[in-house]
C-alpha atoms as a PDB file:
ATOM      1  CA  UNK A   1     124.070 214.917 113.502  1.00  0.00           C
ATOM      2  CA  UNK A   2     124.349 211.916 115.839  1.00  0.00           C
ATOM      3  CA  UNK A   3     121.337 210.001 117.008  1.00  0.00           C
ATOM      4  CA  UNK A   4     119.873 210.891 120.383  1.00  0.00           C
ATOM      5  CA  UNK A   5     119.456 207.197 121.101  1.00  0.00           C
ATOM      6  CA  UNK A   6     121.983 204.433 121.523  1.00  0.00           C
ATOM      7  CA  UNK A   7     120.885 200.923 120.640  1.00  0.00           C
ATOM      8  CA  UNK A   8     122.657 197.611 121.045  1.00  0.00           C
ATOM      9  CA  UNK A   9     121.604 196.198 117.687  1.00  0.00           C
ATOM     10  CA  UNK A  10     120.851 199.275 115.564  1.00  0.00           C
ATOM     11  CA  UNK A  11     123.215 201.876 114.171  1.00  0.00           C
ATOM     12  CA  UNK A  12     121.471 205.197 113.457  1.00  0.00           C
ATOM     13  CA  UNK A  13     123.197 207.715 111.168  1.00  0.00           C
ATOM     14  CA  UNK A  14     121.188 210.922 110.667  1.00  0.00           C
ATOM     15  CA  UNK A  15     122.085 212.844 107.510  1.00  0.00           C
ATOM     16  CA  UNK A  16     120.187 215.919 106.359  1.00  0.00           C
ATOM     17  CA  UNK A  17     116.729 214.760 107.358  1.00  0.00           C
ATOM     18  CA  UNK A  18     117.339 211.076 106.635  1.00  0.00           C
ATOM     19  CA  UNK A  19     117.903 208.362 109.253  1.00  0.00           C
ATOM     20  CA  UNK A  20     120.090 205.586 107.877  1.00  0.00           C
ATOM     21  CA  UNK A  21     119.105 202.680 110.148  1.00  0.00           C
ATOM     22  CA  UNK A  22     121.383 199.646 110.030  1.00  0.00           C
ATOM     23  CA  UNK A  23     120.471 196.378 111.733  1.00  0.00           C
ATOM     24  CA  UNK A  24     123.842 195.596 113.265  1.00  0.00           C
ATOM     25  CA  UNK A  25     124.250 191.896 114.079  1.00  0.00           C
ATOM     26  CA  UNK A  26     126.334 190.937 111.044  1.00  0.00           C
ATOM     27  CA  UNK A  27     127.821 187.775 112.545  1.00  0.00           C
ATOM     28  CA  UNK A  28     124.269 186.489 113.088  1.00  0.00           C
ATOM     29  CA  UNK A  29     123.108 187.712 109.644  1.00  0.00           C
ATOM     30  CA  UNK A  30     121.091 190.382 111.502  1.00  0.00           C
ATOM     31  CA  UNK A  31     118.722 187.715 112.816  1.00  0.00           C
ATOM     32  CA  UNK A  32     115.901 188.970 115.024  1.00  0.00           C
ATOM     33  CA  UNK A  33     116.666 188.314 118.670  1.00  0.00           C
ATOM     34  CA  UNK A  34     114.918 189.810 121.682  1.00  0.00           C
ATOM     35  CA  UNK A  35     117.242 192.827 121.781  1.00  0.00           C
ATOM     36  CA  UNK A  36     116.750 193.685 118.116  1.00  0.00           C
ATOM     37  CA  UNK A  37     113.002 193.396 118.691  1.00  0.00           C
ATOM     38  CA  UNK A  38     113.148 195.870 121.568  1.00  0.00           C
ATOM     39  CA  UNK A  39     115.430 198.266 119.672  1.00  0.00           C
ATOM     40  CA  UNK A  40     113.196 198.250 116.580  1.00  0.00           C
ATOM     41  CA  UNK A  41     110.085 198.789 118.713  1.00  0.00           C
ATOM     42  CA  UNK A  42     111.690 201.747 120.449  1.00  0.00           C
ATOM     43  CA  UNK A  43     113.088 203.348 117.303  1.00  0.00           C
ATOM     44  CA  UNK A  44     109.953 203.162 115.160  1.00  0.00           C
ATOM     45  CA  UNK A  45     107.723 204.015 118.118  1.00  0.00           C
ATOM     46  CA  UNK A  46     109.533 207.326 118.617  1.00  0.00           C
ATOM     47  CA  UNK A  47     109.266 208.447 114.990  1.00  0.00           C
ATOM     48  CA  UNK A  48     105.626 209.508 115.068  1.00  0.00           C
ATOM     49  CA  UNK A  49     106.357 213.077 116.149  1.00  0.00           C
ATOM     50  CA  UNK A  50     110.036 213.339 115.106  1.00  0.00           C
ATOM     51  CA  UNK A  51     109.405 215.501 112.070  1.00  0.00           C
ATOM     52  CA  UNK A  52     113.076 216.408 111.812  1.00  0.00           C
ATOM     53  CA  UNK A  53     113.424 212.851 110.504  1.00  0.00           C
ATOM     54  CA  UNK A  54     111.738 212.976 107.122  1.00  0.00           C
ATOM     55  CA  UNK A  55     112.854 209.640 105.634  1.00  0.00           C
ATOM     56  CA  UNK A  56     114.199 206.331 106.945  1.00  0.00           C
ATOM     57  CA  UNK A  57     116.564 204.046 105.006  1.00  0.00           C
ATOM     58  CA  UNK A  58     116.602 200.525 106.489  1.00  0.00           C
ATOM     59  CA  UNK A  59     119.484 198.158 105.768  1.00  0.00           C
ATOM     60  CA  UNK A  60     121.536 195.360 107.291  1.00  0.00           C
ATOM     61  CA  UNK A  61     125.218 195.275 108.217  1.00  0.00           C
ATOM     62  CA  UNK A  62     127.478 192.743 106.566  1.00  0.00           C
ATOM     63  CA  UNK A  63     126.491 190.212 103.925  1.00  0.00           C
ATOM     64  CA  UNK A  64     122.757 190.000 104.630  1.00  0.00           C
ATOM     65  CA  UNK A  65     119.770 192.288 105.157  1.00  0.00           C
ATOM     66  CA  UNK A  66     118.059 190.152 107.840  1.00  0.00           C
ATOM     67  CA  UNK A  67     117.762 186.377 108.062  1.00  0.00           C
ATOM     68  CA  UNK A  68     114.612 186.303 110.190  1.00  0.00           C
ATOM     69  CA  UNK A  69     114.079 184.938 113.683  1.00  0.00           C
ATOM     70  CA  UNK A  70     117.248 184.036 115.593  1.00  0.00           C
ATOM     71  CA  UNK A  71     116.534 180.408 116.462  1.00  0.00           C
ATOM     72  CA  UNK A  72     119.368 180.519 119.015  1.00  0.00           C
ATOM     73  CA  UNK A  73     117.437 183.164 120.953  1.00  0.00           C
ATOM     74  CA  UNK A  74     113.934 181.767 120.625  1.00  0.00           C
ATOM     75  CA  UNK A  75     113.729 179.913 123.923  1.00  0.00           C
ATOM     76  CA  UNK A  76     111.057 182.305 125.157  1.00  0.00           C
ATOM     77  CA  UNK A  77     108.720 180.832 122.529  1.00  0.00           C
ATOM     78  CA  UNK A  78     106.976 177.522 123.153  1.00  0.00           C
ATOM     79  CA  UNK A  79     106.135 177.913 126.847  1.00  0.00           C
ATOM     80  CA  UNK A  80     102.394 178.396 126.351  1.00  0.00           C
ATOM     81  CA  UNK A  81      99.965 179.888 123.867  1.00  0.00           C
ATOM     82  CA  UNK A  82      99.409 183.043 125.954  1.00  0.00           C
ATOM     83  CA  UNK A  83     103.155 183.598 126.399  1.00  0.00           C
ATOM     84  CA  UNK A  84     103.788 182.932 122.724  1.00  0.00           C
ATOM     85  CA  UNK A  85     101.079 185.424 121.750  1.00  0.00           C
ATOM     86  CA  UNK A  86     102.767 188.103 123.850  1.00  0.00           C
ATOM     87  CA  UNK A  87     106.113 187.400 122.182  1.00  0.00           C
ATOM     88  CA  UNK A  88     104.554 187.269 118.739  1.00  0.00           C
ATOM     89  CA  UNK A  89     102.775 190.582 119.249  1.00  0.00           C
ATOM     90  CA  UNK A  90     106.017 192.315 120.182  1.00  0.00           C
ATOM     91  CA  UNK A  91     107.430 191.468 116.766  1.00  0.00           C
ATOM     92  CA  UNK A  92     104.252 192.220 114.798  1.00  0.00           C
ATOM     93  CA  UNK A  93     104.021 195.574 116.575  1.00  0.00           C
ATOM     94  CA  UNK A  94     107.281 196.558 114.835  1.00  0.00           C
ATOM     95  CA  UNK A  95     105.451 196.229 111.512  1.00  0.00           C
ATOM     96  CA  UNK A  96     102.533 198.300 112.836  1.00  0.00           C
ATOM     97  CA  UNK A  97     104.900 201.060 113.949  1.00  0.00           C
ATOM     98  CA  UNK A  98     106.717 201.036 110.610  1.00  0.00           C
ATOM     99  CA  UNK A  99     103.422 201.658 108.827  1.00  0.00           C
ATOM    100  CA  UNK A 100     102.136 204.116 111.436  1.00  0.00           C
ATOM    101  CA  UNK A 101     105.167 206.406 111.341  1.00  0.00           C
ATOM    102  CA  UNK A 102     104.770 209.309 108.890  1.00  0.00           C
ATOM    103  CA  UNK A 103     108.223 208.873 107.355  1.00  0.00           C
ATOM    104  CA  UNK A 104     108.542 206.824 104.159  1.00  0.00           C
ATOM    105  CA  UNK A 105     110.909 203.886 104.633  1.00  0.00           C
ATOM    106  CA  UNK A 106     113.318 202.710 101.936  1.00  0.00           C
ATOM    107  CA  UNK A 107     114.623 199.125 102.209  1.00  0.00           C
ATOM    108  CA  UNK A 108     118.078 198.289 100.844  1.00  0.00           C
ATOM    109  CA  UNK A 109     118.359 194.504 100.646  1.00  0.00           C
ATOM    110  CA  UNK A 110     121.458 192.444 100.073  1.00  0.00           C
ATOM    111  CA  UNK A 111     121.903 188.722 100.631  1.00  0.00           C
ATOM    112  CA  UNK A 112     119.135 187.121 102.659  1.00  0.00           C
ATOM    113  CA  UNK A 113     115.914 188.981 103.410  1.00  0.00           C
ATOM    114  CA  UNK A 114     114.063 186.035 104.842  1.00  0.00           C
ATOM    115  CA  UNK A 115     111.319 185.294 107.359  1.00  0.00           C
ATOM    116  CA  UNK A 116     110.892 188.265 109.658  1.00  0.00           C
ATOM    117  CA  UNK A 117     113.511 190.137 107.654  1.00  0.00           C
ATOM    118  CA  UNK A 118     111.347 189.715 104.569  1.00  0.00           C
ATOM    119  CA  UNK A 119     108.401 191.062 106.578  1.00  0.00           C
ATOM    120  CA  UNK A 120     110.473 194.112 107.539  1.00  0.00           C
ATOM    121  CA  UNK A 121     111.204 194.734 103.856  1.00  0.00           C
ATOM    122  CA  UNK A 122     107.535 194.340 102.901  1.00  0.00           C
ATOM    123  CA  UNK A 123     106.584 196.934 105.520  1.00  0.00           C
ATOM    124  CA  UNK A 124     108.827 199.481 103.806  1.00  0.00           C
ATOM    125  CA  UNK A 125     107.451 201.870 101.195  1.00  0.00           C
ATOM    126  CA  UNK A 126     110.162 201.359  98.564  1.00  0.00           C
ATOM    127  CA  UNK A 127     112.388 198.307  98.167  1.00  0.00           C
ATOM    128  CA  UNK A 128     115.693 198.090  96.312  1.00  0.00           C
ATOM    129  CA  UNK A 129     117.728 194.903  96.001  1.00  0.00           C
ATOM    130  CA  UNK A 130     121.325 194.061  95.289  1.00  0.00           C
ATOM    131  CA  UNK A 131     121.925 191.459  92.607  1.00  0.00           C
ATOM    132  CA  UNK A 132     122.696 188.843  95.282  1.00  0.00           C
ATOM    133  CA  UNK A 133     119.455 189.368  97.229  1.00  0.00           C
ATOM    134  CA  UNK A 134     117.121 186.474  97.916  1.00  0.00           C
ATOM    135  CA  UNK A 135     113.804 186.506  99.757  1.00  0.00           C
ATOM    136  CA  UNK A 136     111.531 183.840 101.193  1.00  0.00           C
ATOM    137  CA  UNK A 137     108.802 183.186 103.742  1.00  0.00           C
ATOM    138  CA  UNK A 138     111.052 181.086 105.962  1.00  0.00           C
ATOM    139  CA  UNK A 139     108.283 180.399 108.512  1.00  0.00           C
ATOM    140  CA  UNK A 140     106.818 177.869 106.074  1.00  0.00           C
ATOM    141  CA  UNK A 141     109.993 175.804 106.417  1.00  0.00           C
ATOM    142  CA  UNK A 142     109.960 175.396 110.207  1.00  0.00           C
ATOM    143  CA  UNK A 143     106.479 174.092 110.917  1.00  0.00           C
ATOM    144  CA  UNK A 144     104.690 177.437 111.120  1.00  0.00           C
ATOM    145  CA  UNK A 145     102.083 179.170 108.994  1.00  0.00           C
ATOM    146  CA  UNK A 146     103.255 181.368 106.134  1.00  0.00           C
ATOM    147  CA  UNK A 147     100.926 184.092 107.416  1.00  0.00           C
ATOM    148  CA  UNK A 148     103.145 186.040 109.781  1.00  0.00           C
ATOM    149  CA  UNK A 149     103.749 189.639 110.925  1.00  0.00           C
ATOM    150  CA  UNK A 150     101.984 191.276 108.004  1.00  0.00           C
ATOM    151  CA  UNK A 151     103.216 189.049 105.168  1.00  0.00           C
ATOM    152  CA  UNK A 152      99.724 187.880 104.168  1.00  0.00           C
ATOM    153  CA  UNK A 153      98.636 191.528 104.017  1.00  0.00           C
ATOM    154  CA  UNK A 154     101.530 193.063 102.081  1.00  0.00           C
ATOM    155  CA  UNK A 155     102.718 190.261  99.809  1.00  0.00           C
ATOM    156  CA  UNK A 156      99.578 189.635  97.693  1.00  0.00           C
ATOM    157  CA  UNK A 157      99.133 193.393  97.343  1.00  0.00           C
ATOM    158  CA  UNK A 158     102.681 193.596  95.988  1.00  0.00           C
ATOM    159  CA  UNK A 159     102.892 190.575  93.706  1.00  0.00           C
ATOM    160  CA  UNK A 160      99.375 189.127  93.316  1.00  0.00           C
ATOM    161  CA  UNK A 161      97.737 186.137  94.959  1.00  0.00           C
ATOM    162  CA  UNK A 162      99.408 183.373  92.934  1.00  0.00           C
ATOM    163  CA  UNK A 163     102.956 184.629  93.477  1.00  0.00           C
ATOM    164  CA  UNK A 164     102.195 185.228  97.144  1.00  0.00           C
ATOM    165  CA  UNK A 165     100.757 181.724  97.581  1.00  0.00           C
ATOM    166  CA  UNK A 166     103.810 180.218  95.884  1.00  0.00           C
ATOM    167  CA  UNK A 167     106.101 181.908  98.382  1.00  0.00           C
ATOM    168  CA  UNK A 168     103.910 181.468 101.463  1.00  0.00           C
ATOM    169  CA  UNK A 169     102.897 177.848 100.886  1.00  0.00           C
ATOM    170  CA  UNK A 170     106.202 176.555  99.566  1.00  0.00           C
ATOM    171  CA  UNK A 171     108.764 178.741 101.268  1.00  0.00           C
ATOM    172  CA  UNK A 172     110.352 179.094  97.857  1.00  0.00           C
ATOM    173  CA  UNK A 173     113.169 181.598  97.425  1.00  0.00           C
ATOM    174  CA  UNK A 174     112.658 184.509  95.082  1.00  0.00           C
ATOM    175  CA  UNK A 175     115.912 185.886  93.756  1.00  0.00           C
ATOM    176  CA  UNK A 176     116.527 189.463  92.717  1.00  0.00           C
ATOM    177  CA  UNK A 177     115.742 189.055  89.000  1.00  0.00           C
ATOM    178  CA  UNK A 178     112.330 187.515  89.658  1.00  0.00           C
ATOM    179  CA  UNK A 179     111.651 189.965  92.493  1.00  0.00           C
ATOM    180  CA  UNK A 180     112.048 192.783  89.981  1.00  0.00           C
ATOM    181  CA  UNK A 181     109.909 191.016  87.382  1.00  0.00           C
ATOM    182  CA  UNK A 182     106.944 190.477  89.719  1.00  0.00           C
ATOM    183  CA  UNK A 183     107.104 193.932  91.299  1.00  0.00           C
ATOM    184  CA  UNK A 184     108.452 192.896  94.682  1.00  0.00           C
ATOM    185  CA  UNK A 185     111.304 195.406  94.340  1.00  0.00           C
ATOM    186  CA  UNK A 186     111.607 198.612  92.320  1.00  0.00           C
ATOM    187  CA  UNK A 187     115.206 198.189  91.122  1.00  0.00           C
ATOM    188  CA  UNK A 188     118.034 195.657  91.215  1.00  0.00           C
ATOM    189  CA  UNK A 189     121.565 197.067  91.239  1.00  0.00           C
ATOM    190  CA  UNK A 190     125.112 195.831  91.878  1.00  0.00           C
ATOM    191  CA  UNK A 191     125.867 195.578  95.579  1.00  0.00           C
ATOM    192  CA  UNK A 192     128.260 198.518  95.536  1.00  0.00           C
ATOM    193  CA  UNK A 193     125.544 200.757  94.071  1.00  0.00           C
ATOM    194  CA  UNK A 194     122.844 199.916  96.622  1.00  0.00           C
ATOM    195  CA  UNK A 195     123.530 202.813  99.000  1.00  0.00           C
ATOM    196  CA  UNK A 196     123.638 205.291  96.116  1.00  0.00           C
ATOM    197  CA  UNK A 197     120.251 204.033  94.928  1.00  0.00           C
ATOM    198  CA  UNK A 198     118.824 204.657  98.398  1.00  0.00           C
ATOM    199  CA  UNK A 199     120.385 208.113  98.508  1.00  0.00           C
ATOM    200  CA  UNK A 200     118.925 209.014  95.115  1.00  0.00           C
ATOM    201  CA  UNK A 201     115.416 208.008  96.185  1.00  0.00           C
ATOM    202  CA  UNK A 202     115.771 209.813  99.515  1.00  0.00           C
ATOM    203  CA  UNK A 203     116.879 212.988  97.721  1.00  0.00           C
ATOM    204  CA  UNK A 204     113.855 212.829  95.423  1.00  0.00           C
ATOM    205  CA  UNK A 205     111.565 212.389  98.421  1.00  0.00           C
ATOM    206  CA  UNK A 206     113.209 215.326 100.201  1.00  0.00           C
ATOM    207  CA  UNK A 207     112.294 217.519  97.232  1.00  0.00           C
ATOM    208  CA  UNK A 208     108.617 217.137  98.172  1.00  0.00           C
ATOM    209  CA  UNK A 209     107.062 219.461 100.726  1.00  0.00           C
ATOM    210  CA  UNK A 210     107.356 217.986 104.240  1.00  0.00           C
ATOM    211  CA  UNK A 211     103.609 217.744 104.817  1.00  0.00           C
ATOM    212  CA  UNK A 212     103.024 216.571 101.260  1.00  0.00           C
ATOM    213  CA  UNK A 213     105.453 213.685 101.738  1.00  0.00           C
ATOM    214  CA  UNK A 214     103.926 212.612 105.032  1.00  0.00           C
ATOM    215  CA  UNK A 215     100.403 212.787 103.623  1.00  0.00           C
ATOM    216  CA  UNK A 216     101.435 210.781 100.565  1.00  0.00           C
ATOM    217  CA  UNK A 217     102.506 207.876 102.772  1.00  0.00           C
ATOM    218  CA  UNK A 218      99.310 208.184 104.809  1.00  0.00           C
ATOM    219  CA  UNK A 219      97.175 208.394 101.682  1.00  0.00           C
ATOM    220  CA  UNK A 220      98.755 205.321 100.101  1.00  0.00           C
ATOM    221  CA  UNK A 221      98.103 203.364 103.297  1.00  0.00           C
ATOM    222  CA  UNK A 222      94.462 204.450 103.449  1.00  0.00           C
ATOM    223  CA  UNK A 223      93.794 203.902  99.745  1.00  0.00           C
ATOM    224  CA  UNK A 224      94.844 200.239  99.854  1.00  0.00           C
ATOM    225  CA  UNK A 225      91.867 199.439 102.082  1.00  0.00           C
ATOM    226  CA  UNK A 226      89.404 202.146 101.059  1.00  0.00           C
ATOM    227  CA  UNK A 227      85.884 200.995 100.361  1.00  0.00           C
ATOM    228  CA  UNK A 228      85.248 203.221  97.345  1.00  0.00           C
ATOM    229  CA  UNK A 229      86.696 205.729  94.913  1.00  0.00           C
ATOM    230  CA  UNK A 230      84.580 208.372  96.619  1.00  0.00           C
ATOM    231  CA  UNK A 231      86.283 207.709  99.948  1.00  0.00           C
ATOM    232  CA  UNK A 232      89.722 207.969  98.342  1.00  0.00           C
ATOM    233  CA  UNK A 233      88.826 211.182  96.498  1.00  0.00           C
ATOM    234  CA  UNK A 234      87.561 212.772  99.721  1.00  0.00           C
ATOM    235  CA  UNK A 235      90.802 211.892 101.488  1.00  0.00           C
ATOM    236  CA  UNK A 236      92.933 213.133  98.580  1.00  0.00           C
ATOM    237  CA  UNK A 237      91.018 216.415  98.299  1.00  0.00           C
ATOM    238  CA  UNK A 238      91.605 217.189 101.962  1.00  0.00           C
ATOM    239  CA  UNK A 239      95.301 216.423 101.639  1.00  0.00           C
ATOM    240  CA  UNK A 240      95.727 218.715  98.660  1.00  0.00           C
ATOM    241  CA  UNK A 241      93.831 221.551 100.339  1.00  0.00           C
ATOM    242  CA  UNK A 242      96.060 221.278 103.412  1.00  0.00           C
ATOM    243  CA  UNK A 243      99.164 221.658 101.211  1.00  0.00           C
ATOM    244  CA  UNK A 244      97.982 224.440  98.866  1.00  0.00           C
ATOM    245  CA  UNK A 245      98.322 227.451 101.169  1.00  0.00           C
ATOM    246  CA  UNK A 246     101.743 226.689 102.704  1.00  0.00           C
ATOM    247  CA  UNK A 247     103.481 225.153  99.680  1.00  0.00           C
ATOM    248  CA  UNK A 248     101.932 225.684  96.247  1.00  0.00           C
ATOM    249  CA  UNK A 249     103.237 229.204  95.632  1.00  0.00           C
ATOM    250  CA  UNK A 250     106.837 228.302  96.491  1.00  0.00           C
ATOM    251  CA  UNK A 251     106.645 224.945  94.719  1.00  0.00           C
ATOM    252  CA  UNK A 252     105.207 226.446  91.553  1.00  0.00           C
ATOM    253  CA  UNK A 253     107.681 229.328  91.493  1.00  0.00           C
ATOM    254  CA  UNK A 254     110.619 226.978  92.048  1.00  0.00           C
ATOM    255  CA  UNK A 255     109.404 224.778  89.197  1.00  0.00           C
ATOM    256  CA  UNK A 256     109.173 227.758  86.818  1.00  0.00           C
ATOM    257  CA  UNK A 257     112.582 229.036  87.896  1.00  0.00           C
ATOM    258  CA  UNK A 258     114.139 225.569  87.637  1.00  0.00           C
ATOM    259  CA  UNK A 259     115.493 225.618  91.183  1.00  0.00           C
ATOM    260  CA  UNK A 260     114.961 223.497  94.306  1.00  0.00           C
ATOM    261  CA  UNK A 261     111.967 224.587  96.366  1.00  0.00           C
ATOM    262  CA  UNK A 262     112.507 225.739  99.939  1.00  0.00           C
ATOM    263  CA  UNK A 263     109.637 224.613 102.139  1.00  0.00           C
ATOM    264  CA  UNK A 264     108.762 225.461 105.736  1.00  0.00           C
ATOM    265  CA  UNK A 265     107.618 222.732 108.102  1.00  0.00           C
ATOM    266  CA  UNK A 266     106.543 224.974 111.000  1.00  0.00           C
END
């Protein structure tokens, strides 16, 4: 199934409920220019009610995942604080839309995942890295704060405050082996196995009920900032009750019969 949308900097390949989204500026290491910003905003903004898309796999064309802000297309920054805030908010809104969409997002990182590209990866639900992957908070290296487009929110939650401070205050690169060790990525694989790793995870996610998968992403988001165990339990109870009637009988029977479950999303 081809995508309904044509983008200048994104390639969308829809396969059996999964959108394989490729940032497609390989000669520029998939750096974030104004067009990529607009394409990402449009794509993730339209996912909210596209339930035929159950999972998104995000990757970069060529040698690198995404090298961050394209400094050759950053002339719109620096005019004034109000203008810069408008430009900044367009990029940070991509992160908001990635978290707001009900589809889990799997990041497949090779080469550089730096600056804004690192932020894109952090906004994904599952991250896999090729052996040649390297990540850093590149903003720290060009006179800016290391707190940018969600990094200060996601990074300490992923790796702890000390590891986050090391990256955000020093701009230090973290390579794939350390990323795995500190929990920044789930697996590190040879480059030629990266797509297969994403496909395996997507297939496992597709085995969940459609509503159950969407509510799992929503529940994980809510639980990170919940004020109490009681609040989390109340949210979880409601989610389970919503899934029992449409899915439990089929899911339980399929489990007992050792076959894939067939769920309805109507």
